[in-house]
PDB file of N, CA and C in Angstrom:
ATOM      1  N   UNK A   1     123.652  97.362 100.500  1.00  0.00           N
ATOM      2  CA  UNK A   1     123.645  98.032 101.493  1.00  0.00           C
ATOM      3  C   UNK A   1     122.562  98.481 101.924  1.00  0.00           C
ATOM      4  N   UNK A   2     121.331  99.227 101.178  1.00  0.00           N
ATOM      5  CA  UNK A   2     120.116  99.945 101.301  1.00  0.00           C
ATOM      6  C   UNK A   2     119.123  99.231 101.157  1.00  0.00           C
ATOM      7  N   UNK A   3     119.348  98.072 100.849  1.00  0.00           N
ATOM      8  CA  UNK A   3     118.139  96.773 101.142  1.00  0.00           C
ATOM      9  C   UNK A   3     118.445  95.854 102.023  1.00  0.00           C
ATOM     10  N   UNK A   4     119.430  95.899 102.822  1.00  0.00           N
ATOM     11  CA  UNK A   4     119.214  94.999 104.125  1.00  0.00           C
ATOM     12  C   UNK A   4     118.121  95.387 105.172  1.00  0.00           C
ATOM     13  N   UNK A   5     117.622  94.316 105.689  1.00  0.00           N
ATOM     14  CA  UNK A   5     116.531  94.498 106.761  1.00  0.00           C
ATOM     15  C   UNK A   5     116.864  95.753 107.895  1.00  0.00           C
ATOM     16  N   UNK A   6     118.214  95.598 108.174  1.00  0.00           N
ATOM     17  CA  UNK A   6     118.508  96.513 109.246  1.00  0.00           C
ATOM     18  C   UNK A   6     118.226  97.855 108.871  1.00  0.00           C
ATOM     19  N   UNK A   7     118.773  98.481 107.783  1.00  0.00           N
ATOM     20  CA  UNK A   7     118.635  99.616 107.122  1.00  0.00           C
ATOM     21  C   UNK A   7     117.189 100.198 107.072  1.00  0.00           C
ATOM     22  N   UNK A   8     116.228  99.249 106.437  1.00  0.00           N
ATOM     23  CA  UNK A   8     114.926  99.409 106.536  1.00  0.00           C
ATOM     24  C   UNK A   8     114.082  99.637 107.715  1.00  0.00           C
ATOM     25  N   UNK A   9     114.393  98.648 108.620  1.00  0.00           N
ATOM     26  CA  UNK A   9     113.972  98.855 110.172  1.00  0.00           C
ATOM     27  C   UNK A   9     114.493 100.193 110.875  1.00  0.00           C
ATOM     28  N   UNK A  10     115.641 100.672 110.357  1.00  0.00           N
ATOM     29  CA  UNK A  10     115.826 101.948 111.029  1.00  0.00           C
ATOM     30  C   UNK A  10     115.073 103.068 110.372  1.00  0.00           C
ATOM     31  N   UNK A  11     115.071 103.399 109.074  1.00  0.00           N
ATOM     32  CA  UNK A  11     113.911 104.170 108.660  1.00  0.00           C
ATOM     33  C   UNK A  11     112.815 104.178 109.132  1.00  0.00           C
ATOM     34  N   UNK A  12     111.947 102.804 109.304  1.00  0.00           N
ATOM     35  CA  UNK A  12     110.936 102.911 109.516  1.00  0.00           C
ATOM     36  C   UNK A  12     110.835 103.100 111.204  1.00  0.00           C
ATOM     37  N   UNK A  13     111.529 102.823 112.003  1.00  0.00           N
ATOM     38  CA  UNK A  13     111.449 103.448 113.496  1.00  0.00           C
ATOM     39  C   UNK A  13     111.884 104.724 113.529  1.00  0.00           C
ATOM     40  N   UNK A  14     112.550 105.486 112.869  1.00  0.00           N
ATOM     41  CA  UNK A  14     112.819 107.173 112.870  1.00  0.00           C
ATOM     42  C   UNK A  14     111.557 107.533 112.389  1.00  0.00           C
ATOM     43  N   UNK A  15     110.811 107.030 111.135  1.00  0.00           N
ATOM     44  CA  UNK A  15     109.697 107.357 110.929  1.00  0.00           C
ATOM     45  C   UNK A  15     108.698 107.684 111.776  1.00  0.00           C
ATOM     46  N   UNK A  16     108.554 106.545 112.316  1.00  0.00           N
ATOM     47  CA  UNK A  16     107.384 106.466 113.463  1.00  0.00           C
ATOM     48  C   UNK A  16     107.730 107.197 114.723  1.00  0.00           C
ATOM     49  N   UNK A  17     108.867 107.398 114.945  1.00  0.00           N
ATOM     50  CA  UNK A  17     109.287 108.140 116.280  1.00  0.00           C
ATOM     51  C   UNK A  17     109.227 109.874 115.851  1.00  0.00           C
ATOM     52  N   UNK A  18     109.375 110.368 114.698  1.00  0.00           N
ATOM     53  CA  UNK A  18     108.979 111.477 114.200  1.00  0.00           C
ATOM     54  C   UNK A  18     107.514 111.790 114.261  1.00  0.00           C
ATOM     55  N   UNK A  19     106.890 110.947 113.860  1.00  0.00           N
ATOM     56  CA  UNK A  19     105.163 110.801 113.635  1.00  0.00           C
ATOM     57  C   UNK A  19     104.836 111.285 114.969  1.00  0.00           C
ATOM     58  N   UNK A  20     105.343 110.371 116.115  1.00  0.00           N
ATOM     59  CA  UNK A  20     104.892 110.452 117.533  1.00  0.00           C
ATOM     60  C   UNK A  20     105.451 111.808 118.057  1.00  0.00           C
ATOM     61  N   UNK A  21     106.502 112.495 117.815  1.00  0.00           N
ATOM     62  CA  UNK A  21     107.042 113.545 118.048  1.00  0.00           C
ATOM     63  C   UNK A  21     106.085 114.799 117.853  1.00  0.00           C
ATOM     64  N   UNK A  22     105.667 114.800 116.268  1.00  0.00           N
ATOM     65  CA  UNK A  22     104.686 115.774 115.694  1.00  0.00           C
ATOM     66  C   UNK A  22     103.276 115.570 116.003  1.00  0.00           C
ATOM     67  N   UNK A  23     103.039 114.255 116.492  1.00  0.00           N
ATOM     68  CA  UNK A  23     101.527 113.988 117.200  1.00  0.00           C
ATOM     69  C   UNK A  23     101.608 114.890 118.301  1.00  0.00           C
ATOM     70  N   UNK A  24     102.283 114.965 119.161  1.00  0.00           N
ATOM     71  CA  UNK A  24     102.506 115.751 120.349  1.00  0.00           C
ATOM     72  C   UNK A  24     102.571 117.217 120.685  1.00  0.00           C
ATOM     73  N   UNK A  25     102.902 117.725 119.193  1.00  0.00           N
ATOM     74  CA  UNK A  25     102.714 119.130 119.105  1.00  0.00           C
ATOM     75  C   UNK A  25     101.559 119.657 119.102  1.00  0.00           C
ATOM     76  N   UNK A  26     101.222 120.666 119.456  1.00  0.00           N
ATOM     77  CA  UNK A  26     100.006 121.798 119.651  1.00  0.00           C
ATOM     78  C   UNK A  26      99.397 121.699 118.171  1.00  0.00           C
ATOM     79  N   UNK A  27      98.085 122.065 118.157  1.00  0.00           N
ATOM     80  CA  UNK A  27      97.117 122.334 116.924  1.00  0.00           C
ATOM     81  C   UNK A  27      97.760 123.638 115.998  1.00  0.00           C
ATOM     82  N   UNK A  28      98.608 124.335 116.574  1.00  0.00           N
ATOM     83  CA  UNK A  28      98.876 125.628 115.899  1.00  0.00           C
ATOM     84  C   UNK A  28     100.435 125.366 115.251  1.00  0.00           C
ATOM     85  N   UNK A  29     100.988 124.384 115.112  1.00  0.00           N
ATOM     86  CA  UNK A  29     102.351 124.130 114.823  1.00  0.00           C
ATOM     87  C   UNK A  29     102.340 123.830 113.390  1.00  0.00           C
ATOM     88  N   UNK A  30     102.965 124.368 112.515  1.00  0.00           N
ATOM     89  CA  UNK A  30     102.969 123.985 110.991  1.00  0.00           C
ATOM     90  C   UNK A  30     103.079 122.456 110.856  1.00  0.00           C
ATOM     91  N   UNK A  31     104.017 121.945 111.577  1.00  0.00           N
ATOM     92  CA  UNK A  31     104.246 120.411 111.378  1.00  0.00           C
ATOM     93  C   UNK A  31     103.352 119.373 111.412  1.00  0.00           C
ATOM     94  N   UNK A  32     102.374 119.665 112.711  1.00  0.00           N
ATOM     95  CA  UNK A  32     101.107 119.126 112.961  1.00  0.00           C
ATOM     96  C   UNK A  32      99.999 119.031 111.996  1.00  0.00           C
ATOM     97  N   UNK A  33      99.871 120.832 111.710  1.00  0.00           N
ATOM     98  CA  UNK A  33      98.760 120.722 110.645  1.00  0.00           C
ATOM     99  C   UNK A  33      99.274 119.931 109.270  1.00  0.00           C
ATOM    100  N   UNK A  34     100.425 119.954 108.777  1.00  0.00           N
ATOM    101  CA  UNK A  34     100.830 119.159 107.694  1.00  0.00           C
ATOM    102  C   UNK A  34     100.586 117.726 107.939  1.00  0.00           C
ATOM    103  N   UNK A  35     100.798 117.371 109.218  1.00  0.00           N
ATOM    104  CA  UNK A  35     100.612 115.986 109.316  1.00  0.00           C
ATOM    105  C   UNK A  35      99.149 115.432 109.409  1.00  0.00           C
ATOM    106  N   UNK A  36      98.543 116.303 110.160  1.00  0.00           N
ATOM    107  CA  UNK A  36      96.848 116.025 110.338  1.00  0.00           C
ATOM    108  C   UNK A  36      96.063 116.518 109.376  1.00  0.00           C
ATOM    109  N   UNK A  37      96.277 117.561 108.769  1.00  0.00           N
ATOM    110  CA  UNK A  37      95.443 118.360 107.981  1.00  0.00           C
ATOM    111  C   UNK A  37      94.901 117.884 106.393  1.00  0.00           C
ATOM    112  N   UNK A  38      94.152 118.258 105.924  1.00  0.00           N
ATOM    113  CA  UNK A  38      93.820 117.654 104.482  1.00  0.00           C
ATOM    114  C   UNK A  38      93.775 118.714 103.670  1.00  0.00           C
ATOM    115  N   UNK A  39      94.155 118.565 102.353  1.00  0.00           N
ATOM    116  CA  UNK A  39      94.076 119.708 101.309  1.00  0.00           C
ATOM    117  C   UNK A  39      92.962 119.703 100.666  1.00  0.00           C
ATOM    118  N   UNK A  40      92.394 120.699 100.135  1.00  0.00           N
ATOM    119  CA  UNK A  40      91.167 120.639  99.531  1.00  0.00           C
ATOM    120  C   UNK A  40      91.291 120.998  97.900  1.00  0.00           C
ATOM    121  N   UNK A  41      91.039 120.395  97.170  1.00  0.00           N
ATOM    122  CA  UNK A  41      90.959 120.394  95.616  1.00  0.00           C
ATOM    123  C   UNK A  41      91.210 119.111  94.957  1.00  0.00           C
ATOM    124  N   UNK A  42      91.576 118.988  93.924  1.00  0.00           N
ATOM    125  CA  UNK A  42      91.333 117.693  93.205  1.00  0.00           C
ATOM    126  C   UNK A  42      92.769 117.196  92.904  1.00  0.00           C
ATOM    127  N   UNK A  43      93.060 116.042  92.875  1.00  0.00           N
ATOM    128  CA  UNK A  43      94.349 115.359  92.300  1.00  0.00           C
ATOM    129  C   UNK A  43      93.976 114.684  91.111  1.00  0.00           C
ATOM    130  N   UNK A  44      95.443 114.625  90.315  1.00  0.00           N
ATOM    131  CA  UNK A  44      95.248 114.468  89.029  1.00  0.00           C
ATOM    132  C   UNK A  44      94.855 112.940  88.929  1.00  0.00           C
ATOM    133  N   UNK A  45      94.238 112.711  87.738  1.00  0.00           N
ATOM    134  CA  UNK A  45      93.690 111.073  87.703  1.00  0.00           C
ATOM    135  C   UNK A  45      94.626 110.118  87.057  1.00  0.00           C
ATOM    136  N   UNK A  46      95.912 109.969  87.589  1.00  0.00           N
ATOM    137  CA  UNK A  46      96.896 109.096  87.667  1.00  0.00           C
ATOM    138  C   UNK A  46      96.998 108.179  88.652  1.00  0.00           C
ATOM    139  N   UNK A  47      97.838 107.429  88.758  1.00  0.00           N
ATOM    140  CA  UNK A  47      98.019 106.343  89.701  1.00  0.00           C
ATOM    141  C   UNK A  47      98.331 106.897  91.170  1.00  0.00           C
ATOM    142  N   UNK A  48      97.489 106.745  91.907  1.00  0.00           N
ATOM    143  CA  UNK A  48      97.590 107.580  93.301  1.00  0.00           C
ATOM    144  C   UNK A  48      98.865 107.159  94.087  1.00  0.00           C
ATOM    145  N   UNK A  49      99.323 108.221  94.496  1.00  0.00           N
ATOM    146  CA  UNK A  49     100.830 107.802  95.109  1.00  0.00           C
ATOM    147  C   UNK A  49     100.811 107.688  96.237  1.00  0.00           C
ATOM    148  N   UNK A  50     101.923 107.136  96.788  1.00  0.00           N
ATOM    149  CA  UNK A  50     101.771 106.640  98.376  1.00  0.00           C
ATOM    150  C   UNK A  50     102.019 107.751  98.920  1.00  0.00           C
ATOM    151  N   UNK A  51     101.434 107.986 100.261  1.00  0.00           N
ATOM    152  CA  UNK A  51     101.281 109.085 101.043  1.00  0.00           C
ATOM    153  C   UNK A  51     102.284 108.650 102.363  1.00  0.00           C
ATOM    154  N   UNK A  52     102.673 109.633 102.958  1.00  0.00           N
ATOM    155  CA  UNK A  52     103.695 109.491 103.940  1.00  0.00           C
ATOM    156  C   UNK A  52     102.623 109.145 105.266  1.00  0.00           C
ATOM    157  N   UNK A  53     101.417 109.390 105.351  1.00  0.00           N
ATOM    158  CA  UNK A  53     100.532 109.108 106.486  1.00  0.00           C
ATOM    159  C   UNK A  53     100.404 107.288 105.986  1.00  0.00           C
ATOM    160  N   UNK A  54     100.051 107.043 104.808  1.00  0.00           N
ATOM    161  CA  UNK A  54      99.971 105.440 104.752  1.00  0.00           C
ATOM    162  C   UNK A  54     101.102 104.671 104.838  1.00  0.00           C
ATOM    163  N   UNK A  55     102.364 105.419 104.848  1.00  0.00           N
ATOM    164  CA  UNK A  55     103.403 104.588 104.937  1.00  0.00           C
ATOM    165  C   UNK A  55     103.689 104.386 106.622  1.00  0.00           C
ATOM    166  N   UNK A  56     103.366 105.412 107.280  1.00  0.00           N
ATOM    167  CA  UNK A  56     103.158 105.340 108.766  1.00  0.00           C
ATOM    168  C   UNK A  56     102.289 104.341 109.458  1.00  0.00           C
ATOM    169  N   UNK A  57     101.015 104.111 108.454  1.00  0.00           N
ATOM    170  CA  UNK A  57      99.978 103.311 109.010  1.00  0.00           C
ATOM    171  C   UNK A  57     100.733 101.924 108.798  1.00  0.00           C
ATOM    172  N   UNK A  58     101.228 101.456 107.679  1.00  0.00           N
ATOM    173  CA  UNK A  58     101.646 100.331 107.290  1.00  0.00           C
ATOM    174  C   UNK A  58     102.939  99.949 108.321  1.00  0.00           C
ATOM    175  N   UNK A  59     103.956 100.769 108.691  1.00  0.00           N
ATOM    176  CA  UNK A  59     104.734 100.500 109.750  1.00  0.00           C
ATOM    177  C   UNK A  59     104.131 100.209 110.763  1.00  0.00           C
ATOM    178  N   UNK A  60     103.155 100.719 111.373  1.00  0.00           N
ATOM    179  CA  UNK A  60     102.434 100.641 112.558  1.00  0.00           C
ATOM    180  C   UNK A  60     102.005  99.208 112.660  1.00  0.00           C
ATOM    181  N   UNK A  61     101.581  98.889 111.596  1.00  0.00           N
ATOM    182  CA  UNK A  61     100.693  97.347 111.446  1.00  0.00           C
ATOM    183  C   UNK A  61     101.904  96.272 111.401  1.00  0.00           C
ATOM    184  N   UNK A  62     103.033  96.627 110.953  1.00  0.00           N
ATOM    185  CA  UNK A  62     104.128  95.547 110.876  1.00  0.00           C
ATOM    186  C   UNK A  62     104.679  95.629 112.149  1.00  0.00           C
ATOM    187  N   UNK A  63     104.574  96.523 113.042  1.00  0.00           N
ATOM    188  CA  UNK A  63     105.141  96.524 114.196  1.00  0.00           C
ATOM    189  C   UNK A  63     104.212  95.925 115.250  1.00  0.00           C
ATOM    190  N   UNK A  64     103.113  95.773 115.134  1.00  0.00           N
ATOM    191  CA  UNK A  64     102.048  95.180 116.157  1.00  0.00           C
ATOM    192  C   UNK A  64     101.876  93.881 115.923  1.00  0.00           C
TER     193      UNK A  64
END
């Protein structure tokens, strides 16, 4: 059930919809700063984890 194409498509669609909603928010909203902002500091030297922003970019490439 979870690996059917329709279920995956629904998740990607909702993720892109939410990203569009947050992108329309003002600069002072916390959700917008989390989506657009960058954190300072070092990351551990292990395999880089997939970020939510990277998933959105891949979804947009697949949709186009």
